[in-house]
Structure formats: structure tokens, C-alpha cells
C-alpha atoms as a PDB file:
ATOM      1  CA  MET A   1     -47.000  22.837   4.864  1.00  0.00           C
ATOM      2  CA  LEU A   2     -43.289  23.567   4.698  1.00  0.00           C
ATOM      3  CA  LYS A   3     -41.651  22.717   1.401  1.00  0.00           C
ATOM      4  CA  LEU A   4     -37.907  22.206   1.153  1.00  0.00           C
ATOM      5  CA  ASN A   5     -35.952  21.457  -1.952  1.00  0.00           C
ATOM      6  CA  ASN A   6     -33.594  18.502  -1.916  1.00  0.00           C
ATOM      7  CA  GLN A   7     -30.414  20.445  -1.133  1.00  0.00           C
ATOM      8  CA  GLU A   8     -31.965  22.246   1.837  1.00  0.00           C
ATOM      9  CA  ALA A   9     -33.213  18.954   3.242  1.00  0.00           C
ATOM     10  CA  ILE A  10     -29.754  17.411   2.887  1.00  0.00           C
ATOM     11  CA  ASP A  11     -28.103  20.434   4.561  1.00  0.00           C
ATOM     12  CA  LYS A  12     -30.573  20.263   7.435  1.00  0.00           C
ATOM     13  CA  LEU A  13     -29.806  16.577   7.911  1.00  0.00           C
ATOM     14  CA  HIS A  14     -26.031  17.184   7.805  1.00  0.00           C
ATOM     15  CA  GLN A  15     -26.245  19.806  10.576  1.00  0.00           C
ATOM     16  CA  HIS A  16     -27.396  17.054  12.926  1.00  0.00           C
ATOM     17  CA  PHE A  17     -24.136  15.091  12.454  1.00  0.00           C
ATOM     18  CA  ILE A  18     -21.573  17.920  12.590  1.00  0.00           C
ATOM     19  CA  LYS A  19     -19.505  17.912  15.790  1.00  0.00           C
ATOM     20  CA  PRO A  20     -19.460  21.404  17.340  1.00  0.00           C
ATOM     21  CA  ASN A  21     -16.313  21.069  19.499  1.00  0.00           C
ATOM     22  CA  ILE A  22     -13.678  20.299  16.856  1.00  0.00           C
ATOM     23  CA  PRO A  23     -10.538  22.494  16.993  1.00  0.00           C
ATOM     24  CA  LYS A  24      -9.448  24.467  13.933  1.00  0.00           C
ATOM     25  CA  ILE A  25      -7.126  22.085  12.103  1.00  0.00           C
ATOM     26  CA  GLN A  26      -4.683  23.518   9.580  1.00  0.00           C
ATOM     27  CA  ILE A  27      -2.229  21.979   7.158  1.00  0.00           C
ATOM     28  CA  GLY A  28       1.088  21.157   8.850  1.00  0.00           C
ATOM     29  CA  ASP A  29      -0.376  20.701  12.324  1.00  0.00           C
ATOM     30  CA  THR A  30       0.730  17.716  14.367  1.00  0.00           C
ATOM     31  CA  VAL A  31      -2.441  16.143  15.721  1.00  0.00           C
ATOM     32  CA  LYS A  32      -3.297  13.319  18.089  1.00  0.00           C
ATOM     33  CA  LEU A  33      -6.515  11.559  17.111  1.00  0.00           C
ATOM     34  CA  GLY A  34      -8.360   9.146  19.365  1.00  0.00           C
ATOM     35  CA  VAL A  35      -9.926   6.488  17.135  1.00  0.00           C
ATOM     36  CA  LYS A  36     -12.511   4.047  18.477  1.00  0.00           C
ATOM     37  CA  ILE A  37     -11.619   0.437  17.729  1.00  0.00           C
ATOM     38  CA  ILE A  38     -13.968  -2.497  18.298  1.00  0.00           C
ATOM     39  CA  GLU A  39     -12.308  -5.820  19.121  1.00  0.00           C
ATOM     40  CA  GLY A  40     -14.848  -8.563  19.617  1.00  0.00           C
ATOM     41  CA  ASN A  41     -17.377  -7.124  22.041  1.00  0.00           C
ATOM     42  CA  LYS A  42     -14.942  -4.611  23.570  1.00  0.00           C
ATOM     43  CA  GLU A  43     -14.411  -1.028  22.461  1.00  0.00           C
ATOM     44  CA  ARG A  44     -11.249   0.958  23.110  1.00  0.00           C
ATOM     45  CA  ILE A  45      -9.622   4.169  21.940  1.00  0.00           C
ATOM     46  CA  GLN A  46      -6.335   3.988  20.033  1.00  0.00           C
ATOM     47  CA  PHE A  47      -4.370   7.180  19.480  1.00  0.00           C
ATOM     48  CA  TYR A  48      -2.891   8.067  16.100  1.00  0.00           C
ATOM     49  CA  GLU A  49      -0.373  10.914  16.028  1.00  0.00           C
ATOM     50  CA  GLY A  50       0.992  12.504  12.886  1.00  0.00           C
ATOM     51  CA  THR A  51       1.206  15.529  10.613  1.00  0.00           C
ATOM     52  CA  VAL A  52      -1.783  16.797   8.643  1.00  0.00           C
ATOM     53  CA  ILE A  53      -0.630  16.806   5.007  1.00  0.00           C
ATOM     54  CA  ALA A  54      -3.996  17.420   3.307  1.00  0.00           C
ATOM     55  CA  LYS A  55      -7.484  18.630   4.153  1.00  0.00           C
ATOM     56  CA  LYS A  56     -10.708  18.510   2.172  1.00  0.00           C
ATOM     57  CA  ASN A  57     -13.582  20.704   3.343  1.00  0.00           C
ATOM     58  CA  SER A  58     -17.136  19.746   2.499  1.00  0.00           C
ATOM     59  CA  SER A  59     -19.280  20.280   5.618  1.00  0.00           C
ATOM     60  CA  VAL A  60     -20.041  16.894   7.191  1.00  0.00           C
ATOM     61  CA  ASN A  61     -17.649  15.058   4.828  1.00  0.00           C
ATOM     62  CA  THR A  62     -14.555  17.030   5.892  1.00  0.00           C
ATOM     63  CA  THR A  63     -11.490  14.799   5.803  1.00  0.00           C
ATOM     64  CA  ILE A  64      -7.877  15.160   6.856  1.00  0.00           C
ATOM     65  CA  THR A  65      -4.939  13.052   5.722  1.00  0.00           C
ATOM     66  CA  VAL A  66      -2.536  12.344   8.577  1.00  0.00           C
ATOM     67  CA  ARG A  67       0.988  11.041   7.953  1.00  0.00           C
ATOM     68  CA  LYS A  68       3.351   9.478  10.454  1.00  0.00           C
ATOM     69  CA  VAL A  69       6.626   7.619  10.056  1.00  0.00           C
ATOM     70  CA  LEU A  70       6.876   4.356  11.964  1.00  0.00           C
ATOM     71  CA  GLN A  71      10.171   2.417  11.886  1.00  0.00           C
ATOM     72  CA  GLY A  72      11.232   4.202   8.707  1.00  0.00           C
ATOM     73  CA  ILE A  73       7.975   3.501   6.858  1.00  0.00           C
ATOM     74  CA  GLY A  74       5.526   6.319   6.123  1.00  0.00           C
ATOM     75  CA  ILE A  75       1.898   5.602   6.998  1.00  0.00           C
ATOM     76  CA  GLU A  76      -0.976   7.818   5.867  1.00  0.00           C
ATOM     77  CA  ARG A  77      -4.568   7.567   6.971  1.00  0.00           C
ATOM     78  CA  ILE A  78      -7.587   9.580   5.931  1.00  0.00           C
ATOM     79  CA  PHE A  79     -10.026  10.489   8.693  1.00  0.00           C
ATOM     80  CA  LEU A  80     -13.576  11.832   8.485  1.00  0.00           C
ATOM     81  CA  ILE A  81     -13.380  14.305  11.351  1.00  0.00           C
ATOM     82  CA  HIS A  82     -17.147  14.308  11.998  1.00  0.00           C
ATOM     83  CA  SER A  83     -17.272  10.496  12.128  1.00  0.00           C
ATOM     84  CA  PRO A  84     -18.416   8.813  15.345  1.00  0.00           C
ATOM     85  CA  LYS A  85     -15.261   6.644  15.105  1.00  0.00           C
ATOM     86  CA  VAL A  86     -13.093   9.718  15.840  1.00  0.00           C
ATOM     87  CA  ALA A  87     -13.410  10.176  19.598  1.00  0.00           C
ATOM     88  CA  SER A  88     -11.036  13.096  20.141  1.00  0.00           C
ATOM     89  CA  ILE A  89      -8.788  15.499  18.255  1.00  0.00           C
ATOM     90  CA  GLU A  90      -5.916  17.275  19.971  1.00  0.00           C
ATOM     91  CA  ILE A  91      -3.527  19.680  18.254  1.00  0.00           C
ATOM     92  CA  ILE A  92      -0.002  19.193  19.577  1.00  0.00           C
ATOM     93  CA  ARG A  93       1.940  21.754  17.513  1.00  0.00           C
ATOM     94  CA  HIS A  94       1.527  24.091  14.562  1.00  0.00           C
ATOM     95  CA  ALA A  95       3.926  24.317  11.630  1.00  0.00           C
ATOM     96  CA  LYS A  96       4.706  27.133   9.238  1.00  0.00           C
ATOM     97  CA  VAL A  97       3.827  25.947   5.717  1.00  0.00           C
ATOM     98  CA  ARG A  98       3.223  27.671   2.383  1.00  0.00           C
ATOM     99  CA  ARG A  99       1.346  24.890   0.612  1.00  0.00           C
ATOM    100  CA  SER A 100      -2.175  23.521   0.898  1.00  0.00           C
ATOM    101  CA  LYS A 101      -1.040  19.927   0.267  1.00  0.00           C
ATOM    102  CA  LEU A 102       2.212  18.627   1.742  1.00  0.00           C
ATOM    103  CA  TYR A 103       2.647  15.615  -0.523  1.00  0.00           C
ATOM    104  CA  TYR A 104       6.327  16.500  -1.001  1.00  0.00           C
ATOM    105  CA  LEU A 105       6.970  15.137   2.520  1.00  0.00           C
ATOM    106  CA  ARG A 106       6.564  11.629   1.069  1.00  0.00           C
ATOM    107  CA  ASN A 107       9.933  11.969  -0.688  1.00  0.00           C
ATOM    108  CA  LEU A 108      11.865  13.364   2.295  1.00  0.00           C
ATOM    109  CA  ARG A 109      13.634  11.292   4.953  1.00  0.00           C
ATOM    110  CA  GLY A 110      14.844  12.013   8.483  1.00  0.00           C
ATOM    111  CA  LYS A 111      15.587  15.579   9.499  1.00  0.00           C
ATOM    112  CA  ALA A 112      14.718  16.891   6.036  1.00  0.00           C
ATOM    113  CA  SER A 113      11.053  16.070   6.646  1.00  0.00           C
ATOM    114  CA  ARG A 114      10.785  18.333   9.696  1.00  0.00           C
ATOM    115  CA  LEU A 115       8.561  21.408   9.474  1.00  0.00           C
ATOM    116  CA  LYS A 116       9.382  24.736  11.095  1.00  0.00           C
ATOM    117  CA  GLN A 117       7.243  25.331  14.183  1.00  0.00           C
ATOM    118  CA  ARG A 118       4.792  28.238  14.256  1.00  0.00           C
ATOM    119  CA  PHE A 119       3.922  29.763  17.632  1.00  0.00           C
ATOM    120  CA  GLU A 120       0.450  31.185  18.199  1.00  0.00           C
END
């Protein structure tokens, strides 16, 4: 009989839920996320586009914080990237950054909040 300790059993279970086809997301990237939304008995995909300002890596619980400015108001959402609610992830552009968390963008307005593009 195969014996597993608790952590190995949890890791084995997590491997089942990890999405294999996720692109490599880095801080400063502009991403377009397709999020599944259920309205009544209908399901549709709504796209959310913004800049990745933070990332937390912990296998199946990996999250990214995406910020966008809509009509002069900054909106931030945290997404579990391995969640079944996230239908698609597309990287639109890469930015050159020297920080792991871009929280300073919250205090900048207009052209000052732009990030320098990085070409790969």
C-alpha cells in the first residue's frame, strides 16, 4: 500500500487543477483576460484589460493583480490564474520595470503612469 504524507497528497491534488497552457506573465505586462460571467442561466466571456502590478506565486493559488484606469478612476482586480472562471489570458505588450510590485502607479495620473515598452 502506498503511503503519502499530507503535503504530498495536497501537491498531487493541486497538479490536477493547474492549467498547462498559461503564458509566462511578468510584472508590467499589459494583459487581456477573458473572465466567465454567469447572468441568469446564460454564460458569457467578458474581457478585462490592464497592467499587471503584482504577482503572487504559490502553485495552484497563483494570483495576479491587474490595474486599469476607466474614466479617470483606477480599478484593480485580483485574479486566480488557474481558476476555471479565467477563460483566456493574452499578453498584449511587455514593459521594462525594475520593481516586483508596481503600487506606485496608484499615485500617478495620465502620461506619467505609462511604462516603457520592452521588446522581446
